[in-house]
Amino acid sequence: LGVFKELLSGTTKPSSVSEIVFDEPSSGVVRYLSDTLNISDRLPEYCFALKGSAAVVEYVSKNPKALGLIDVCWISDGDDSTANTFLSAINVLAVSADSGYYKPYQAYLAQHKYPLARDLVMISREARAGLASGFMAFVASDKGQRIVLKSGLVPATMPIRIIEVNHEPF
């Protein structure tokens, strides 16, 4: 994450990347990176935001030296036509962690190896049980967690299945 900090704080001018593009000026990606990397100043002039993830993918596909940062849910569902369109237009880069480079695959998110992962927290300010608490109960339910799993994210309440293949004969 040190490289991201240097790039986003402006201490290091990018050499192989000409621009860093975000999905929205106040998106969760920008907030997460500024909070995690402790960047309180304005982003450098080569960092800017567009209007949504589709605009970032379009911009990056037309500008090979641009680096776009979007949420993983936009590219993780292999059955989603939007994700497949995005993936055919761009390359997903692996991010350096302590022990190697990792792409935002579900297994690496679950094992906490992908360094740019963040938790989803739901907070209700309802005085009584209502629509928000019903929605939170649905998201935490088996069906809700299956939707989270299907979207390529890591469910909080379902077990993760890791398969080890042994090629030795019985």
N, C-alpha and C. Protein backbone atom coordinates (compact mmCIF):
# COMPACT_ATOMS: atom_id res chain seq x y z
N LEU A 1 0.81 -1.21 0.00
CA LEU A 1 0.00 0.00 0.00
C LEU A 1 0.84 1.26 0.00
N GLY A 2 2.13 1.10 0.23
CA GLY A 2 3.02 2.25 0.26
C GLY A 2 3.06 3.00 -1.07
N VAL A 3 2.98 2.26 -2.17
CA VAL A 3 2.99 2.89 -3.49
C VAL A 3 1.73 3.75 -3.67
N PHE A 4 0.57 3.21 -3.24
CA PHE A 4 -0.67 3.99 -3.32
C PHE A 4 -0.56 5.26 -2.50
N LYS A 5 0.01 5.16 -1.32
CA LYS A 5 0.14 6.34 -0.46
C LYS A 5 1.01 7.40 -1.14
N GLU A 6 2.12 6.97 -1.73
CA GLU A 6 3.01 7.91 -2.40
C GLU A 6 2.33 8.55 -3.61
N LEU A 7 1.59 7.76 -4.37
CA LEU A 7 0.90 8.28 -5.56
C LEU A 7 -0.23 9.23 -5.18
N LEU A 8 -1.02 8.85 -4.18
CA LEU A 8 -2.19 9.66 -3.82
C LEU A 8 -1.84 10.88 -2.98
N SER A 9 -0.69 10.85 -2.32
CA SER A 9 -0.29 12.02 -1.54
C SER A 9 0.52 13.00 -2.39
N GLY A 10 0.96 12.55 -3.57
CA GLY A 10 1.72 13.42 -4.45
C GLY A 10 3.21 13.46 -4.17
N THR A 11 3.70 12.61 -3.24
CA THR A 11 5.14 12.60 -2.94
C THR A 11 5.94 11.96 -4.06
N THR A 12 5.30 11.06 -4.82
CA THR A 12 5.96 10.41 -5.94
C THR A 12 5.12 10.63 -7.19
N LYS A 13 5.74 11.15 -8.21
CA LYS A 13 5.06 11.34 -9.49
C LYS A 13 5.03 9.99 -10.20
N PRO A 14 3.88 9.56 -10.67
CA PRO A 14 3.81 8.25 -11.33
C PRO A 14 4.61 8.23 -12.63
N SER A 15 5.27 7.12 -12.88
CA SER A 15 6.06 7.00 -14.11
C SER A 15 5.31 6.20 -15.17
N SER A 16 4.76 5.05 -14.80
CA SER A 16 4.07 4.22 -15.78
C SER A 16 2.58 4.53 -15.84
N VAL A 17 2.08 5.34 -14.92
CA VAL A 17 0.66 5.71 -14.88
C VAL A 17 0.57 7.22 -15.04
N SER A 18 -0.27 7.65 -15.98
CA SER A 18 -0.39 9.10 -16.20
C SER A 18 -1.51 9.71 -15.36
N GLU A 19 -2.54 8.92 -15.07
CA GLU A 19 -3.70 9.43 -14.34
C GLU A 19 -4.27 8.34 -13.45
N ILE A 20 -4.86 8.74 -12.34
CA ILE A 20 -5.58 7.82 -11.46
C ILE A 20 -7.02 8.31 -11.41
N VAL A 21 -7.94 7.43 -11.78
CA VAL A 21 -9.33 7.80 -11.96
C VAL A 21 -10.21 7.05 -10.96
N PHE A 22 -11.12 7.78 -10.32
CA PHE A 22 -12.07 7.21 -9.36
C PHE A 22 -13.48 7.27 -9.94
N ASP A 23 -14.38 6.53 -9.30
CA ASP A 23 -15.76 6.49 -9.79
C ASP A 23 -16.58 7.72 -9.43
N GLU A 24 -16.38 8.28 -8.27
CA GLU A 24 -17.11 9.46 -7.81
C GLU A 24 -16.17 10.27 -6.90
N PRO A 25 -16.34 11.58 -6.82
CA PRO A 25 -15.46 12.38 -5.95
C PRO A 25 -15.53 12.00 -4.47
N SER A 26 -16.70 11.60 -4.02
CA SER A 26 -16.85 11.24 -2.60
C SER A 26 -17.23 9.77 -2.45
N SER A 27 -16.69 8.92 -3.31
CA SER A 27 -17.04 7.50 -3.28
C SER A 27 -16.40 6.79 -2.09
N GLY A 28 -16.86 5.59 -1.86
CA GLY A 28 -16.29 4.77 -0.80
C GLY A 28 -14.84 4.42 -1.06
N VAL A 29 -14.46 4.29 -2.33
CA VAL A 29 -13.07 3.98 -2.69
C VAL A 29 -12.16 5.12 -2.26
N VAL A 30 -12.55 6.35 -2.60
CA VAL A 30 -11.74 7.52 -2.22
C VAL A 30 -11.66 7.64 -0.71
N ARG A 31 -12.79 7.47 -0.04
CA ARG A 31 -12.84 7.59 1.42
C ARG A 31 -11.98 6.51 2.08
N TYR A 32 -12.10 5.28 1.60
CA TYR A 32 -11.33 4.17 2.16
C TYR A 32 -9.83 4.42 2.01
N LEU A 33 -9.39 4.81 0.82
CA LEU A 33 -7.96 5.04 0.59
C LEU A 33 -7.45 6.21 1.41
N SER A 34 -8.21 7.29 1.50
CA SER A 34 -7.74 8.44 2.28
C SER A 34 -7.70 8.11 3.77
N ASP A 35 -8.68 7.34 4.26
CA ASP A 35 -8.67 6.95 5.68
C ASP A 35 -7.57 5.93 5.98
N THR A 36 -7.45 4.92 5.13
CA THR A 36 -6.47 3.85 5.35
C THR A 36 -5.04 4.35 5.22
N LEU A 37 -4.81 5.18 4.23
CA LEU A 37 -3.46 5.67 3.97
C LEU A 37 -3.15 6.97 4.70
N ASN A 38 -4.14 7.46 5.44
CA ASN A 38 -3.97 8.67 6.25
C ASN A 38 -3.57 9.88 5.39
N ILE A 39 -4.35 10.07 4.32
CA ILE A 39 -4.11 11.20 3.42
C ILE A 39 -5.20 12.23 3.68
N SER A 40 -4.83 13.36 4.23
CA SER A 40 -5.82 14.38 4.55
C SER A 40 -5.80 15.53 3.55
N ASP A 41 -4.73 15.67 2.81
CA ASP A 41 -4.63 16.75 1.84
C ASP A 41 -5.44 16.42 0.59
N ARG A 42 -5.53 17.40 -0.27
CA ARG A 42 -6.19 17.18 -1.56
C ARG A 42 -5.37 16.20 -2.39
N LEU A 43 -6.05 15.47 -3.24
CA LEU A 43 -5.36 14.55 -4.13
C LEU A 43 -4.61 15.34 -5.21
N PRO A 44 -3.52 14.80 -5.73
CA PRO A 44 -2.74 15.50 -6.76
C PRO A 44 -3.57 15.72 -8.04
N GLU A 45 -3.05 16.58 -8.92
CA GLU A 45 -3.79 16.96 -10.13
C GLU A 45 -4.01 15.80 -11.09
N TYR A 46 -3.20 14.75 -11.01
CA TYR A 46 -3.37 13.60 -11.89
C TYR A 46 -4.41 12.61 -11.35
N CYS A 47 -5.03 12.91 -10.23
CA CYS A 47 -6.12 12.10 -9.68
C CYS A 47 -7.42 12.86 -9.86
N PHE A 48 -8.42 12.21 -10.42
CA PHE A 48 -9.71 12.86 -10.60
C PHE A 48 -10.82 11.82 -10.64
N ALA A 49 -12.04 12.29 -10.52
CA ALA A 49 -13.20 11.41 -10.47
C ALA A 49 -14.10 11.65 -11.68
N LEU A 50 -14.78 10.61 -12.07
CA LEU A 50 -15.75 10.67 -13.15
C LEU A 50 -17.14 10.43 -12.57
N LYS A 51 -18.09 10.11 -13.40
CA LYS A 51 -19.46 9.85 -12.93
C LYS A 51 -19.79 8.36 -13.02
N GLY A 52 -19.29 7.59 -12.10
CA GLY A 52 -19.64 6.18 -12.01
C GLY A 52 -18.58 5.24 -12.53
N SER A 53 -18.76 3.98 -12.18
CA SER A 53 -17.79 2.94 -12.54
C SER A 53 -17.74 2.69 -14.04
N ALA A 54 -18.89 2.77 -14.72
CA ALA A 54 -18.89 2.57 -16.17
C ALA A 54 -18.03 3.62 -16.86
N ALA A 55 -18.09 4.85 -16.39
CA ALA A 55 -17.27 5.92 -16.96
C ALA A 55 -15.78 5.67 -16.71
N VAL A 56 -15.44 5.12 -15.54
CA VAL A 56 -14.04 4.81 -15.24
C VAL A 56 -13.54 3.72 -16.18
N VAL A 57 -14.33 2.67 -16.37
CA VAL A 57 -13.93 1.58 -17.25
C VAL A 57 -13.77 2.08 -18.68
N GLU A 58 -14.69 2.90 -19.13
CA GLU A 58 -14.60 3.45 -20.49
C GLU A 58 -13.35 4.31 -20.64
N TYR A 59 -13.08 5.15 -19.65
CA TYR A 59 -11.91 6.04 -19.71
C TYR A 59 -10.61 5.23 -19.72
N VAL A 60 -10.51 4.24 -18.84
CA VAL A 60 -9.29 3.43 -18.74
C VAL A 60 -9.09 2.60 -20.01
N SER A 61 -10.18 2.12 -20.59
CA SER A 61 -10.06 1.31 -21.81
C SER A 61 -9.53 2.15 -22.98
N LYS A 62 -9.77 3.47 -22.96
CA LYS A 62 -9.32 4.35 -24.03
C LYS A 62 -7.98 5.03 -23.72
N ASN A 63 -7.54 4.97 -22.47
CA ASN A 63 -6.28 5.59 -22.04
C ASN A 63 -5.42 4.54 -21.34
N PRO A 64 -4.54 3.88 -22.07
CA PRO A 64 -3.79 2.75 -21.51
C PRO A 64 -2.90 3.08 -20.31
N LYS A 65 -2.51 4.35 -20.14
CA LYS A 65 -1.65 4.70 -19.00
C LYS A 65 -2.47 5.18 -17.79
N ALA A 66 -3.78 5.09 -17.89
CA ALA A 66 -4.65 5.49 -16.77
C ALA A 66 -4.91 4.29 -15.87
N LEU A 67 -4.98 4.55 -14.58
CA LEU A 67 -5.29 3.54 -13.57
C LEU A 67 -6.64 3.90 -12.97
N GLY A 68 -7.60 3.00 -13.10
CA GLY A 68 -8.94 3.24 -12.56
C GLY A 68 -9.18 2.42 -11.32
N LEU A 69 -9.81 3.01 -10.33
CA LEU A 69 -10.14 2.32 -9.09
C LEU A 69 -11.65 2.29 -8.92
N ILE A 70 -12.21 1.07 -8.92
CA ILE A 70 -13.65 0.87 -8.73
C ILE A 70 -13.87 -0.24 -7.72
N ASP A 71 -15.10 -0.38 -7.26
CA ASP A 71 -15.43 -1.46 -6.33
C ASP A 71 -15.39 -2.81 -7.04
N VAL A 72 -15.00 -3.84 -6.32
CA VAL A 72 -14.83 -5.17 -6.89
C VAL A 72 -16.16 -5.77 -7.36
N CYS A 73 -17.27 -5.37 -6.76
CA CYS A 73 -18.56 -5.94 -7.15
C CYS A 73 -18.91 -5.63 -8.61
N TRP A 74 -18.27 -4.62 -9.20
CA TRP A 74 -18.52 -4.30 -10.60
C TRP A 74 -17.87 -5.28 -11.55
N ILE A 75 -16.93 -6.08 -11.08
CA ILE A 75 -16.20 -6.99 -11.98
C ILE A 75 -16.20 -8.44 -11.49
N SER A 76 -16.83 -8.73 -10.36
CA SER A 76 -16.68 -10.05 -9.76
C SER A 76 -17.74 -11.08 -10.14
N ASP A 77 -18.88 -10.67 -10.62
CA ASP A 77 -19.95 -11.61 -10.96
C ASP A 77 -19.81 -12.02 -12.42
N GLY A 78 -19.34 -13.25 -12.65
CA GLY A 78 -19.12 -13.74 -14.00
C GLY A 78 -20.38 -13.91 -14.82
N ASP A 79 -21.55 -13.96 -14.17
CA ASP A 79 -22.82 -14.10 -14.89
C ASP A 79 -23.45 -12.75 -15.23
N ASP A 80 -22.87 -11.68 -14.74
CA ASP A 80 -23.40 -10.34 -14.97
C ASP A 80 -22.85 -9.79 -16.29
N SER A 81 -23.73 -9.37 -17.18
CA SER A 81 -23.29 -8.87 -18.48
C SER A 81 -22.46 -7.59 -18.34
N THR A 82 -22.78 -6.75 -17.35
CA THR A 82 -21.99 -5.53 -17.13
C THR A 82 -20.58 -5.89 -16.71
N ALA A 83 -20.43 -6.84 -15.79
CA ALA A 83 -19.10 -7.26 -15.34
C ALA A 83 -18.31 -7.84 -16.50
N ASN A 84 -18.94 -8.65 -17.33
CA ASN A 84 -18.24 -9.24 -18.47
C ASN A 84 -17.82 -8.18 -19.48
N THR A 85 -18.66 -7.16 -19.67
CA THR A 85 -18.30 -6.05 -20.56
C THR A 85 -17.10 -5.29 -20.00
N PHE A 86 -17.13 -5.02 -18.71
CA PHE A 86 -16.01 -4.33 -18.05
C PHE A 86 -14.73 -5.14 -18.20
N LEU A 87 -14.80 -6.43 -17.91
CA LEU A 87 -13.60 -7.28 -17.92
C LEU A 87 -13.01 -7.43 -19.32
N SER A 88 -13.85 -7.35 -20.34
CA SER A 88 -13.33 -7.46 -21.70
C SER A 88 -12.64 -6.16 -22.15
N ALA A 89 -12.92 -5.06 -21.45
CA ALA A 89 -12.37 -3.77 -21.85
C ALA A 89 -11.12 -3.37 -21.08
N ILE A 90 -10.88 -3.97 -19.90
CA ILE A 90 -9.78 -3.55 -19.03
C ILE A 90 -9.00 -4.75 -18.53
N ASN A 91 -7.86 -4.49 -17.90
CA ASN A 91 -7.09 -5.51 -17.19
C ASN A 91 -7.20 -5.22 -15.70
N VAL A 92 -7.46 -6.26 -14.93
CA VAL A 92 -7.51 -6.12 -13.47
C VAL A 92 -6.11 -6.40 -12.95
N LEU A 93 -5.57 -5.46 -12.21
CA LEU A 93 -4.20 -5.59 -11.70
C LEU A 93 -4.17 -6.24 -10.33
N ALA A 94 -3.09 -6.94 -10.07
CA ALA A 94 -2.85 -7.49 -8.74
C ALA A 94 -2.19 -6.42 -7.90
N VAL A 95 -2.51 -6.41 -6.61
CA VAL A 95 -1.97 -5.42 -5.68
C VAL A 95 -0.98 -6.12 -4.77
N SER A 96 0.11 -5.45 -4.48
CA SER A 96 1.16 -6.02 -3.65
C SER A 96 0.75 -6.05 -2.19
N ALA A 97 1.00 -7.19 -1.59
CA ALA A 97 0.83 -7.35 -0.15
C ALA A 97 2.15 -7.88 0.40
N ASP A 98 2.18 -8.22 1.68
CA ASP A 98 3.42 -8.67 2.31
C ASP A 98 4.03 -9.89 1.63
N SER A 99 3.18 -10.84 1.24
CA SER A 99 3.71 -12.11 0.75
C SER A 99 3.52 -12.31 -0.75
N GLY A 100 3.12 -11.30 -1.50
CA GLY A 100 2.94 -11.47 -2.93
C GLY A 100 1.98 -10.46 -3.52
N TYR A 101 1.56 -10.75 -4.74
CA TYR A 101 0.61 -9.90 -5.44
C TYR A 101 -0.72 -10.63 -5.54
N TYR A 102 -1.81 -9.91 -5.27
CA TYR A 102 -3.13 -10.54 -5.24
C TYR A 102 -4.15 -9.71 -6.00
N LYS A 103 -4.95 -10.40 -6.81
CA LYS A 103 -6.08 -9.77 -7.48
C LYS A 103 -7.28 -9.84 -6.54
N PRO A 104 -8.32 -9.05 -6.79
CA PRO A 104 -9.46 -9.04 -5.88
C PRO A 104 -10.40 -10.24 -6.08
N TYR A 105 -9.85 -11.44 -5.96
CA TYR A 105 -10.65 -12.65 -6.06
C TYR A 105 -11.28 -12.95 -4.70
N GLN A 106 -12.40 -13.62 -4.73
CA GLN A 106 -13.15 -13.92 -3.52
C GLN A 106 -12.31 -14.68 -2.49
N ALA A 107 -11.51 -15.61 -2.93
CA ALA A 107 -10.69 -16.39 -1.99
C ALA A 107 -9.66 -15.49 -1.29
N TYR A 108 -9.03 -14.58 -2.03
CA TYR A 108 -8.05 -13.68 -1.42
C TYR A 108 -8.71 -12.68 -0.48
N LEU A 109 -9.94 -12.28 -0.80
CA LEU A 109 -10.68 -11.41 0.11
C LEU A 109 -10.99 -12.15 1.40
N ALA A 110 -11.41 -13.41 1.28
CA ALA A 110 -11.76 -14.21 2.46
C ALA A 110 -10.55 -14.49 3.34
N GLN A 111 -9.40 -14.69 2.73
CA GLN A 111 -8.18 -14.99 3.47
C GLN A 111 -7.44 -13.73 3.93
N HIS A 112 -8.00 -12.57 3.64
CA HIS A 112 -7.42 -11.27 4.02
C HIS A 112 -6.04 -11.06 3.40
N LYS A 113 -5.84 -11.60 2.20
CA LYS A 113 -4.57 -11.41 1.50
C LYS A 113 -4.61 -10.19 0.59
N TYR A 114 -5.78 -9.89 0.02
CA TYR A 114 -5.91 -8.72 -0.85
C TYR A 114 -5.91 -7.48 0.03
N PRO A 115 -4.94 -6.58 -0.14
CA PRO A 115 -4.76 -5.49 0.83
C PRO A 115 -5.78 -4.35 0.77
N LEU A 116 -6.55 -4.25 -0.29
CA LEU A 116 -7.49 -3.13 -0.41
C LEU A 116 -8.93 -3.52 -0.06
N ALA A 117 -9.09 -4.58 0.72
CA ALA A 117 -10.43 -5.03 1.12
C ALA A 117 -10.94 -4.19 2.27
N ARG A 118 -12.25 -4.03 2.33
CA ARG A 118 -12.86 -3.28 3.43
C ARG A 118 -14.13 -3.99 3.86
N ASP A 119 -14.53 -3.73 5.08
CA ASP A 119 -15.73 -4.35 5.63
C ASP A 119 -16.95 -3.51 5.29
N LEU A 120 -18.08 -4.17 5.22
CA LEU A 120 -19.36 -3.49 5.05
C LEU A 120 -20.07 -3.48 6.39
N VAL A 121 -20.44 -2.31 6.84
CA VAL A 121 -21.10 -2.16 8.14
C VAL A 121 -22.46 -1.52 7.91
N MET A 122 -23.47 -2.08 8.53
CA MET A 122 -24.82 -1.51 8.43
C MET A 122 -25.22 -0.96 9.79
N ILE A 123 -25.68 0.27 9.82
CA ILE A 123 -26.08 0.92 11.06
C ILE A 123 -27.51 1.41 10.89
N SER A 124 -28.35 1.08 11.83
CA SER A 124 -29.74 1.54 11.80
C SER A 124 -29.95 2.58 12.89
N ARG A 125 -30.62 3.66 12.53
CA ARG A 125 -30.93 4.70 13.51
C ARG A 125 -32.44 4.73 13.79
N GLU A 126 -33.11 3.64 13.46
CA GLU A 126 -34.55 3.56 13.70
C GLU A 126 -34.84 3.47 15.20
N ALA A 127 -35.91 4.12 15.63
CA ALA A 127 -36.32 4.03 17.02
C ALA A 127 -36.99 2.68 17.30
N ARG A 128 -37.69 2.15 16.31
CA ARG A 128 -38.35 0.84 16.43
C ARG A 128 -38.01 0.02 15.19
N ALA A 129 -38.34 -1.24 15.26
CA ALA A 129 -38.11 -2.12 14.12
C ALA A 129 -38.95 -1.63 12.94
N GLY A 130 -38.29 -1.49 11.80
CA GLY A 130 -38.98 -0.99 10.62
C GLY A 130 -38.32 -1.50 9.36
N LEU A 131 -38.37 -0.70 8.31
CA LEU A 131 -37.85 -1.09 7.02
C LEU A 131 -36.34 -1.37 7.07
N ALA A 132 -35.58 -0.50 7.72
CA ALA A 132 -34.12 -0.69 7.78
C ALA A 132 -33.74 -1.96 8.52
N SER A 133 -34.36 -2.20 9.65
CA SER A 133 -34.02 -3.41 10.41
C SER A 133 -34.48 -4.66 9.65
N GLY A 134 -35.58 -4.57 8.92
CA GLY A 134 -36.01 -5.69 8.09
C GLY A 134 -35.02 -5.98 6.97
N PHE A 135 -34.50 -4.90 6.36
CA PHE A 135 -33.50 -5.07 5.31
C PHE A 135 -32.22 -5.68 5.88
N MET A 136 -31.79 -5.21 7.05
CA MET A 136 -30.58 -5.75 7.67
C MET A 136 -30.77 -7.22 8.02
N ALA A 137 -31.96 -7.60 8.47
CA ALA A 137 -32.24 -9.00 8.78
C ALA A 137 -32.19 -9.84 7.50
N PHE A 138 -32.71 -9.29 6.40
CA PHE A 138 -32.65 -10.02 5.14
C PHE A 138 -31.21 -10.20 4.67
N VAL A 139 -30.40 -9.15 4.73
CA VAL A 139 -29.00 -9.25 4.30
C VAL A 139 -28.25 -10.29 5.13
N ALA A 140 -28.56 -10.37 6.42
CA ALA A 140 -27.88 -11.33 7.30
C ALA A 140 -28.45 -12.74 7.16
N SER A 141 -29.59 -12.89 6.51
CA SER A 141 -30.22 -14.21 6.36
C SER A 141 -29.45 -15.07 5.35
N ASP A 142 -29.82 -16.33 5.28
CA ASP A 142 -29.19 -17.26 4.35
C ASP A 142 -29.33 -16.76 2.92
N LYS A 143 -30.52 -16.32 2.53
CA LYS A 143 -30.76 -15.84 1.17
C LYS A 143 -29.94 -14.57 0.88
N GLY A 144 -29.89 -13.66 1.82
CA GLY A 144 -29.11 -12.43 1.64
C GLY A 144 -27.63 -12.71 1.52
N GLN A 145 -27.12 -13.62 2.33
CA GLN A 145 -25.70 -13.95 2.27
C GLN A 145 -25.34 -14.70 0.99
N ARG A 146 -26.31 -15.44 0.45
CA ARG A 146 -26.08 -16.10 -0.86
C ARG A 146 -25.98 -15.06 -1.98
N ILE A 147 -26.74 -13.98 -1.86
CA ILE A 147 -26.63 -12.89 -2.84
C ILE A 147 -25.25 -12.24 -2.74
N VAL A 148 -24.78 -12.01 -1.52
CA VAL A 148 -23.44 -11.46 -1.31
C VAL A 148 -22.39 -12.40 -1.92
N LEU A 149 -22.53 -13.70 -1.67
CA LEU A 149 -21.61 -14.70 -2.22
C LEU A 149 -21.64 -14.69 -3.74
N LYS A 150 -22.83 -14.63 -4.34
CA LYS A 150 -22.98 -14.64 -5.79
C LYS A 150 -22.36 -13.40 -6.44
N SER A 151 -22.37 -12.29 -5.72
CA SER A 151 -21.83 -11.06 -6.29
C SER A 151 -20.30 -11.01 -6.23
N GLY A 152 -19.67 -12.06 -5.69
CA GLY A 152 -18.21 -12.12 -5.66
C GLY A 152 -17.60 -11.55 -4.40
N LEU A 153 -18.44 -11.18 -3.45
CA LEU A 153 -17.93 -10.68 -2.17
C LEU A 153 -17.88 -11.83 -1.17
N VAL A 154 -17.47 -11.55 0.04
CA VAL A 154 -17.34 -12.60 1.05
C VAL A 154 -18.46 -12.47 2.07
N PRO A 155 -19.32 -13.48 2.16
CA PRO A 155 -20.40 -13.43 3.14
C PRO A 155 -19.85 -13.45 4.56
N ALA A 156 -20.57 -12.81 5.47
CA ALA A 156 -20.14 -12.74 6.86
C ALA A 156 -20.60 -13.95 7.66
N THR A 157 -21.73 -14.53 7.29
CA THR A 157 -22.32 -15.56 8.14
C THR A 157 -22.35 -16.95 7.51
N MET A 158 -21.73 -17.12 6.37
CA MET A 158 -21.72 -18.45 5.75
C MET A 158 -20.30 -19.00 5.76
N PRO A 159 -20.16 -20.30 5.91
CA PRO A 159 -18.81 -20.86 5.89
C PRO A 159 -18.20 -20.77 4.50
N ILE A 160 -16.91 -20.65 4.46
CA ILE A 160 -16.17 -20.58 3.21
C ILE A 160 -15.60 -21.96 2.93
N ARG A 161 -15.76 -22.42 1.73
CA ARG A 161 -15.30 -23.75 1.36
C ARG A 161 -14.00 -23.63 0.60
N ILE A 162 -12.94 -24.21 1.14
CA ILE A 162 -11.64 -24.24 0.47
C ILE A 162 -11.35 -25.69 0.14
N ILE A 163 -11.08 -25.96 -1.11
CA ILE A 163 -10.87 -27.32 -1.58
C ILE A 163 -9.39 -27.54 -1.87
N GLU A 164 -8.85 -28.62 -1.33
CA GLU A 164 -7.47 -28.99 -1.61
C GLU A 164 -7.49 -30.26 -2.43
N VAL A 165 -6.84 -30.24 -3.57
CA VAL A 165 -6.82 -31.40 -4.45
C VAL A 165 -5.55 -32.19 -4.16
N ASN A 166 -5.73 -33.46 -3.87
CA ASN A 166 -4.62 -34.36 -3.60
C ASN A 166 -4.52 -35.33 -4.78
N HIS A 167 -3.41 -35.33 -5.48
CA HIS A 167 -3.25 -36.17 -6.66
C HIS A 167 -2.67 -37.54 -6.36
N GLU A 168 -2.47 -37.85 -5.09
CA GLU A 168 -1.94 -39.16 -4.75
C GLU A 168 -3.06 -40.21 -4.85
N PRO A 169 -2.73 -41.43 -5.28
CA PRO A 169 -3.77 -42.48 -5.37
C PRO A 169 -4.22 -42.90 -3.98
N PHE A 170 -5.46 -43.41 -3.92
CA PHE A 170 -6.01 -43.86 -2.64
C PHE A 170 -5.28 -45.04 -2.10
